[in-house]
Amino acid sequence: MAIEVEVRSFITKEKYYDLLKFFKMYAEFVKEDYQETYYFDSDADLRIQKNNFFSKIWLKKGKIHDDFREEVEIKFKREDFKNLERLFLNLGFNIEIKWFRKRYHFKWEGIDVMLDYTNGYGYIIELEKMFNEEEKADIFKILKNKLKIIDINLTPKEEFDKKYKYYKESWKKLVENG
């Protein structure tokens, strides 16, 4: 079972660009991506995404902003995104939120590092590692320590929940003005 273990923090625009320089020097560049992600009004965390490389259906178990979550992904050709959207709309789901994100992905000392700018939401760093159930707590501690090394404080879940709630209520306006 693949468990996503992650830590994330909001960062300033200045810190985002400083970290981008740092990781370009000291980490392996994986890819640059632009992602459109649609969250559906489901009891589960159900999404579809189109990025520069493919489309996917994506289910994350647990609650949004949990430190550990099981993930299920099914990939499709990039051009299948509209069909995925139509499928879920025809099944009776509604689009709850749309996200538009620029992402830089690096591999740093065995850890996936994502530097994101999401239109209307802000700048975020995310450290992530896929692991098993038994070792997830140890991996979480390692990721938190890595944030400290690059002088980032872990953003409390409550702050993410508050900002997520605001974005969910206001995303259409925020994206227009972003």
C-alpha atoms as a PDB file:
ATOM      1  CA  MET A   1       0.000   0.000   0.000  1.00  0.00           C
ATOM      2  CA  ALA A   2       1.393   3.392  -1.021  1.00  0.00           C
ATOM      3  CA  ILE A   3       1.073   5.997   1.719  1.00  0.00           C
ATOM      4  CA  GLU A   4       1.890   9.582   0.828  1.00  0.00           C
ATOM      5  CA  VAL A   5       3.772  11.215   3.688  1.00  0.00           C
ATOM      6  CA  GLU A   6       4.076  14.956   3.259  1.00  0.00           C
ATOM      7  CA  VAL A   7       4.818  18.237   4.939  1.00  0.00           C
ATOM      8  CA  ARG A   8       3.944  21.574   3.398  1.00  0.00           C
ATOM      9  CA  SER A   9       4.194  25.228   4.166  1.00  0.00           C
ATOM     10  CA  PHE A  10       3.066  28.510   2.749  1.00  0.00           C
ATOM     11  CA  ILE A  11       6.028  30.609   1.728  1.00  0.00           C
ATOM     12  CA  THR A  12       6.526  34.133   0.461  1.00  0.00           C
ATOM     13  CA  LYS A  13       7.168  34.906  -3.194  1.00  0.00           C
ATOM     14  CA  GLU A  14      10.740  35.890  -2.267  1.00  0.00           C
ATOM     15  CA  LYS A  15      11.338  32.614  -0.411  1.00  0.00           C
ATOM     16  CA  TYR A  16       9.865  30.699  -3.366  1.00  0.00           C
ATOM     17  CA  TYR A  17      12.460  32.199  -5.731  1.00  0.00           C
ATOM     18  CA  ASP A  18      15.279  31.694  -3.204  1.00  0.00           C
ATOM     19  CA  LEU A  19      14.307  28.034  -2.846  1.00  0.00           C
ATOM     20  CA  LEU A  20      14.051  27.648  -6.609  1.00  0.00           C
ATOM     21  CA  LYS A  21      17.687  28.797  -6.908  1.00  0.00           C
ATOM     22  CA  PHE A  22      18.741  26.547  -4.014  1.00  0.00           C
ATOM     23  CA  PHE A  23      17.147  23.414  -5.437  1.00  0.00           C
ATOM     24  CA  LYS A  24      18.426  24.102  -8.944  1.00  0.00           C
ATOM     25  CA  MET A  25      21.936  24.072  -7.418  1.00  0.00           C
ATOM     26  CA  TYR A  26      21.652  21.280  -4.834  1.00  0.00           C
ATOM     27  CA  ALA A  27      18.938  18.916  -6.041  1.00  0.00           C
ATOM     28  CA  GLU A  28      18.070  16.935  -9.133  1.00  0.00           C
ATOM     29  CA  PHE A  29      15.584  18.762 -11.351  1.00  0.00           C
ATOM     30  CA  VAL A  30      12.726  16.387 -12.235  1.00  0.00           C
ATOM     31  CA  LYS A  31      10.296  18.564 -14.165  1.00  0.00           C
ATOM     32  CA  GLU A  32       8.419  21.804 -14.542  1.00  0.00           C
ATOM     33  CA  ASP A  33       4.679  21.408 -14.898  1.00  0.00           C
ATOM     34  CA  TYR A  34       1.430  23.294 -15.256  1.00  0.00           C
ATOM     35  CA  GLN A  35      -1.578  21.568 -13.690  1.00  0.00           C
ATOM     36  CA  GLU A  36      -5.323  22.053 -13.819  1.00  0.00           C
ATOM     37  CA  THR A  37      -7.042  20.076 -11.097  1.00  0.00           C
ATOM     38  CA  TYR A  38     -10.789  19.780 -10.546  1.00  0.00           C
ATOM     39  CA  TYR A  39     -12.128  18.622  -7.172  1.00  0.00           C
ATOM     40  CA  PHE A  40     -15.568  17.019  -7.216  1.00  0.00           C
ATOM     41  CA  ASP A  41     -18.304  17.246  -4.599  1.00  0.00           C
ATOM     42  CA  SER A  42     -17.794  13.725  -3.348  1.00  0.00           C
ATOM     43  CA  ASP A  43     -17.560  12.207   0.124  1.00  0.00           C
ATOM     44  CA  ALA A  44     -14.076  11.115  -0.943  1.00  0.00           C
ATOM     45  CA  ASP A  45     -11.271  13.410  -2.086  1.00  0.00           C
ATOM     46  CA  LEU A  46     -11.930  12.767  -5.780  1.00  0.00           C
ATOM     47  CA  ARG A  47     -10.145  14.772  -8.464  1.00  0.00           C
ATOM     48  CA  ILE A  48      -9.173  14.854 -12.092  1.00  0.00           C
ATOM     49  CA  GLN A  49      -6.071  16.572 -13.345  1.00  0.00           C
ATOM     50  CA  LYS A  50      -4.542  17.634 -16.618  1.00  0.00           C
ATOM     51  CA  ASN A  51      -0.855  18.488 -16.606  1.00  0.00           C
ATOM     52  CA  ASN A  52       1.812  18.932 -19.270  1.00  0.00           C
ATOM     53  CA  PHE A  53       2.252  15.170 -19.612  1.00  0.00           C
ATOM     54  CA  PHE A  54      -1.032  13.312 -19.021  1.00  0.00           C
ATOM     55  CA  SER A  55      -4.467  13.393 -17.395  1.00  0.00           C
ATOM     56  CA  LYS A  56      -5.513  11.371 -14.380  1.00  0.00           C
ATOM     57  CA  ILE A  57      -8.270  10.418 -12.016  1.00  0.00           C
ATOM     58  CA  TRP A  58      -7.006  10.777  -8.500  1.00  0.00           C
ATOM     59  CA  LEU A  59      -8.476   9.611  -5.204  1.00  0.00           C
ATOM     60  CA  LYS A  60      -6.888  10.439  -1.874  1.00  0.00           C
ATOM     61  CA  LYS A  61      -8.189   8.651   1.194  1.00  0.00           C
ATOM     62  CA  GLY A  62      -8.428  10.496   4.487  1.00  0.00           C
ATOM     63  CA  LYS A  63      -9.014  14.195   4.944  1.00  0.00           C
ATOM     64  CA  ILE A  64      -7.437  17.029   3.038  1.00  0.00           C
ATOM     65  CA  HIS A  65      -4.222  18.214   4.743  1.00  0.00           C
ATOM     66  CA  ASP A  66      -3.732  14.900   6.622  1.00  0.00           C
ATOM     67  CA  ASP A  67      -0.051  14.103   7.047  1.00  0.00           C
ATOM     68  CA  PHE A  68      -0.509  10.551   5.740  1.00  0.00           C
ATOM     69  CA  ARG A  69      -2.880   9.545   2.943  1.00  0.00           C
ATOM     70  CA  GLU A  70      -3.348   6.543   0.728  1.00  0.00           C
ATOM     71  CA  GLU A  71      -3.524   7.499  -2.948  1.00  0.00           C
ATOM     72  CA  VAL A  72      -5.058   5.853  -5.988  1.00  0.00           C
ATOM     73  CA  GLU A  73      -4.211   7.253  -9.440  1.00  0.00           C
ATOM     74  CA  ILE A  74      -5.270   6.166 -12.896  1.00  0.00           C
ATOM     75  CA  LYS A  75      -3.454   7.880 -15.756  1.00  0.00           C
ATOM     76  CA  PHE A  76      -4.835   8.712 -19.199  1.00  0.00           C
ATOM     77  CA  LYS A  77      -3.658  10.570 -22.268  1.00  0.00           C
ATOM     78  CA  ARG A  78      -3.539  14.331 -21.728  1.00  0.00           C
ATOM     79  CA  GLU A  79      -6.242  14.914 -24.347  1.00  0.00           C
ATOM     80  CA  ASP A  80      -8.675  12.662 -22.408  1.00  0.00           C
ATOM     81  CA  PHE A  81      -9.179  15.328 -19.729  1.00  0.00           C
ATOM     82  CA  LYS A  82     -12.416  16.723 -21.217  1.00  0.00           C
ATOM     83  CA  ASN A  83     -13.813  13.182 -21.410  1.00  0.00           C
ATOM     84  CA  LEU A  84     -12.930  12.580 -17.762  1.00  0.00           C
ATOM     85  CA  GLU A  85     -14.698  15.807 -16.835  1.00  0.00           C
ATOM     86  CA  ARG A  86     -17.766  14.791 -18.869  1.00  0.00           C
ATOM     87  CA  LEU A  87     -17.764  11.323 -17.283  1.00  0.00           C
ATOM     88  CA  PHE A  88     -17.899  12.669 -13.725  1.00  0.00           C
ATOM     89  CA  LEU A  89     -20.427  15.378 -14.559  1.00  0.00           C
ATOM     90  CA  ASN A  90     -22.650  12.752 -16.228  1.00  0.00           C
ATOM     91  CA  LEU A  91     -22.315  10.548 -13.134  1.00  0.00           C
ATOM     92  CA  GLY A  92     -23.871  13.399 -11.129  1.00  0.00           C
ATOM     93  CA  PHE A  93     -20.762  14.932  -9.593  1.00  0.00           C
ATOM     94  CA  ASN A  94     -20.278  18.689  -9.646  1.00  0.00           C
ATOM     95  CA  ILE A  95     -16.997  20.554  -9.826  1.00  0.00           C
ATOM     96  CA  GLU A  96     -16.416  22.036  -6.403  1.00  0.00           C
ATOM     97  CA  ILE A  97     -13.064  23.727  -6.994  1.00  0.00           C
ATOM     98  CA  LYS A  98     -10.636  24.322  -9.842  1.00  0.00           C
ATOM     99  CA  TRP A  99      -6.930  24.787  -9.181  1.00  0.00           C
ATOM    100  CA  PHE A 100      -4.413  26.241 -11.627  1.00  0.00           C
ATOM    101  CA  ARG A 101      -0.874  25.524 -10.516  1.00  0.00           C
ATOM    102  CA  LYS A 102       2.688  26.010 -11.774  1.00  0.00           C
ATOM    103  CA  ARG A 103       4.936  23.361 -10.211  1.00  0.00           C
ATOM    104  CA  TYR A 104       8.653  22.732 -10.048  1.00  0.00           C
ATOM    105  CA  HIS A 105       9.561  19.211  -8.952  1.00  0.00           C
ATOM    106  CA  PHE A 106      12.988  18.274  -7.575  1.00  0.00           C
ATOM    107  CA  LYS A 107      14.524  15.188  -5.976  1.00  0.00           C
ATOM    108  CA  TRP A 108      16.550  16.180  -2.920  1.00  0.00           C
ATOM    109  CA  GLU A 109      18.304  13.548  -0.837  1.00  0.00           C
ATOM    110  CA  GLY A 110      15.662  10.948  -1.742  1.00  0.00           C
ATOM    111  CA  ILE A 111      12.733  13.303  -1.101  1.00  0.00           C
ATOM    112  CA  ASP A 112      10.337  14.769  -3.655  1.00  0.00           C
ATOM    113  CA  VAL A 113      10.280  18.555  -3.342  1.00  0.00           C
ATOM    114  CA  MET A 114       7.566  20.563  -5.025  1.00  0.00           C
ATOM    115  CA  LEU A 115       7.618  24.338  -5.296  1.00  0.00           C
ATOM    116  CA  ASP A 116       4.170  25.536  -6.292  1.00  0.00           C
ATOM    117  CA  TYR A 117       2.462  28.709  -7.264  1.00  0.00           C
ATOM    118  CA  THR A 118      -1.305  28.263  -7.361  1.00  0.00           C
ATOM    119  CA  ASN A 119      -3.294  31.091  -8.911  1.00  0.00           C
ATOM    120  CA  GLY A 120      -5.399  32.756  -6.204  1.00  0.00           C
ATOM    121  CA  TYR A 121      -3.970  30.549  -3.441  1.00  0.00           C
ATOM    122  CA  GLY A 122      -0.293  31.351  -3.123  1.00  0.00           C
ATOM    123  CA  TYR A 123       3.205  29.920  -2.881  1.00  0.00           C
ATOM    124  CA  ILE A 124       3.801  26.558  -1.214  1.00  0.00           C
ATOM    125  CA  ILE A 125       6.658  24.161  -0.650  1.00  0.00           C
ATOM    126  CA  GLU A 126       5.828  20.503  -0.226  1.00  0.00           C
ATOM    127  CA  LEU A 127       8.183  17.687   0.758  1.00  0.00           C
ATOM    128  CA  GLU A 128       6.845  14.226   0.050  1.00  0.00           C
ATOM    129  CA  LYS A 129       7.818  10.604   0.187  1.00  0.00           C
ATOM    130  CA  MET A 130       5.754   7.533  -0.597  1.00  0.00           C
ATOM    131  CA  PHE A 131       6.136   4.883   2.076  1.00  0.00           C
ATOM    132  CA  ASN A 132       4.432   2.074   3.920  1.00  0.00           C
ATOM    133  CA  GLU A 133       2.130   2.184   6.925  1.00  0.00           C
ATOM    134  CA  GLU A 134       4.752   1.026   9.457  1.00  0.00           C
ATOM    135  CA  GLU A 135       7.326   3.727   8.734  1.00  0.00           C
ATOM    136  CA  LYS A 136       5.122   6.738   8.037  1.00  0.00           C
ATOM    137  CA  ALA A 137       5.663   8.427  11.424  1.00  0.00           C
ATOM    138  CA  ASP A 138       9.463   8.184  11.101  1.00  0.00           C
ATOM    139  CA  ILE A 139       9.354   9.571   7.555  1.00  0.00           C
ATOM    140  CA  PHE A 140       7.147  12.449   8.738  1.00  0.00           C
ATOM    141  CA  LYS A 141       9.797  13.419  11.326  1.00  0.00           C
ATOM    142  CA  ILE A 142      12.527  13.294   8.673  1.00  0.00           C
ATOM    143  CA  LEU A 143      10.510  15.566   6.368  1.00  0.00           C
ATOM    144  CA  LYS A 144       9.865  18.077   9.156  1.00  0.00           C
ATOM    145  CA  ASN A 145      13.606  18.176   9.886  1.00  0.00           C
ATOM    146  CA  LYS A 146      14.347  18.788   6.197  1.00  0.00           C
ATOM    147  CA  LEU A 147      12.081  21.856   6.317  1.00  0.00           C
ATOM    148  CA  LYS A 148      14.124  23.182   9.234  1.00  0.00           C
ATOM    149  CA  ILE A 149      17.347  22.705   7.256  1.00  0.00           C
ATOM    150  CA  ILE A 150      16.046  25.068   4.560  1.00  0.00           C
ATOM    151  CA  ASP A 151      14.716  27.515   7.177  1.00  0.00           C
ATOM    152  CA  ILE A 152      11.005  26.855   6.684  1.00  0.00           C
ATOM    153  CA  ASN A 153       8.500  26.596   9.518  1.00  0.00           C
ATOM    154  CA  LEU A 154       5.790  23.976   9.101  1.00  0.00           C
ATOM    155  CA  THR A 155       2.486  25.740   8.464  1.00  0.00           C
ATOM    156  CA  PRO A 156      -0.129  24.498  10.946  1.00  0.00           C
ATOM    157  CA  LYS A 157      -2.947  22.416   9.465  1.00  0.00           C
ATOM    158  CA  GLU A 158      -5.457  24.918  10.826  1.00  0.00           C
ATOM    159  CA  GLU A 159      -3.971  27.636   8.627  1.00  0.00           C
ATOM    160  CA  PHE A 160      -4.153  25.378   5.561  1.00  0.00           C
ATOM    161  CA  ASP A 161      -7.740  24.434   6.441  1.00  0.00           C
ATOM    162  CA  LYS A 162      -8.721  28.104   6.840  1.00  0.00           C
ATOM    163  CA  LYS A 163      -7.098  29.131   3.546  1.00  0.00           C
ATOM    164  CA  TYR A 164      -8.562  26.099   1.755  1.00  0.00           C
ATOM    165  CA  LYS A 165     -12.058  26.952   3.030  1.00  0.00           C
ATOM    166  CA  TYR A 166     -11.660  30.552   1.830  1.00  0.00           C
ATOM    167  CA  TYR A 167     -10.375  29.403  -1.577  1.00  0.00           C
ATOM    168  CA  LYS A 168     -13.219  26.894  -1.895  1.00  0.00           C
ATOM    169  CA  GLU A 169     -15.756  29.666  -1.304  1.00  0.00           C
ATOM    170  CA  SER A 170     -13.994  32.281  -3.469  1.00  0.00           C
ATOM    171  CA  TRP A 171     -11.913  30.474  -6.105  1.00  0.00           C
ATOM    172  CA  LYS A 172     -13.822  31.822  -9.109  1.00  0.00           C
ATOM    173  CA  LYS A 173     -13.201  35.414  -8.063  1.00  0.00           C
ATOM    174  CA  LEU A 174      -9.637  34.728  -6.906  1.00  0.00           C
ATOM    175  CA  VAL A 175      -8.680  33.060 -10.192  1.00  0.00           C
ATOM    176  CA  GLU A 176     -10.150  35.959 -12.209  1.00  0.00           C
ATOM    177  CA  ASN A 177      -8.093  38.455 -10.215  1.00  0.00           C
ATOM    178  CA  GLY A 178      -4.996  36.263  -9.828  1.00  0.00           C
END
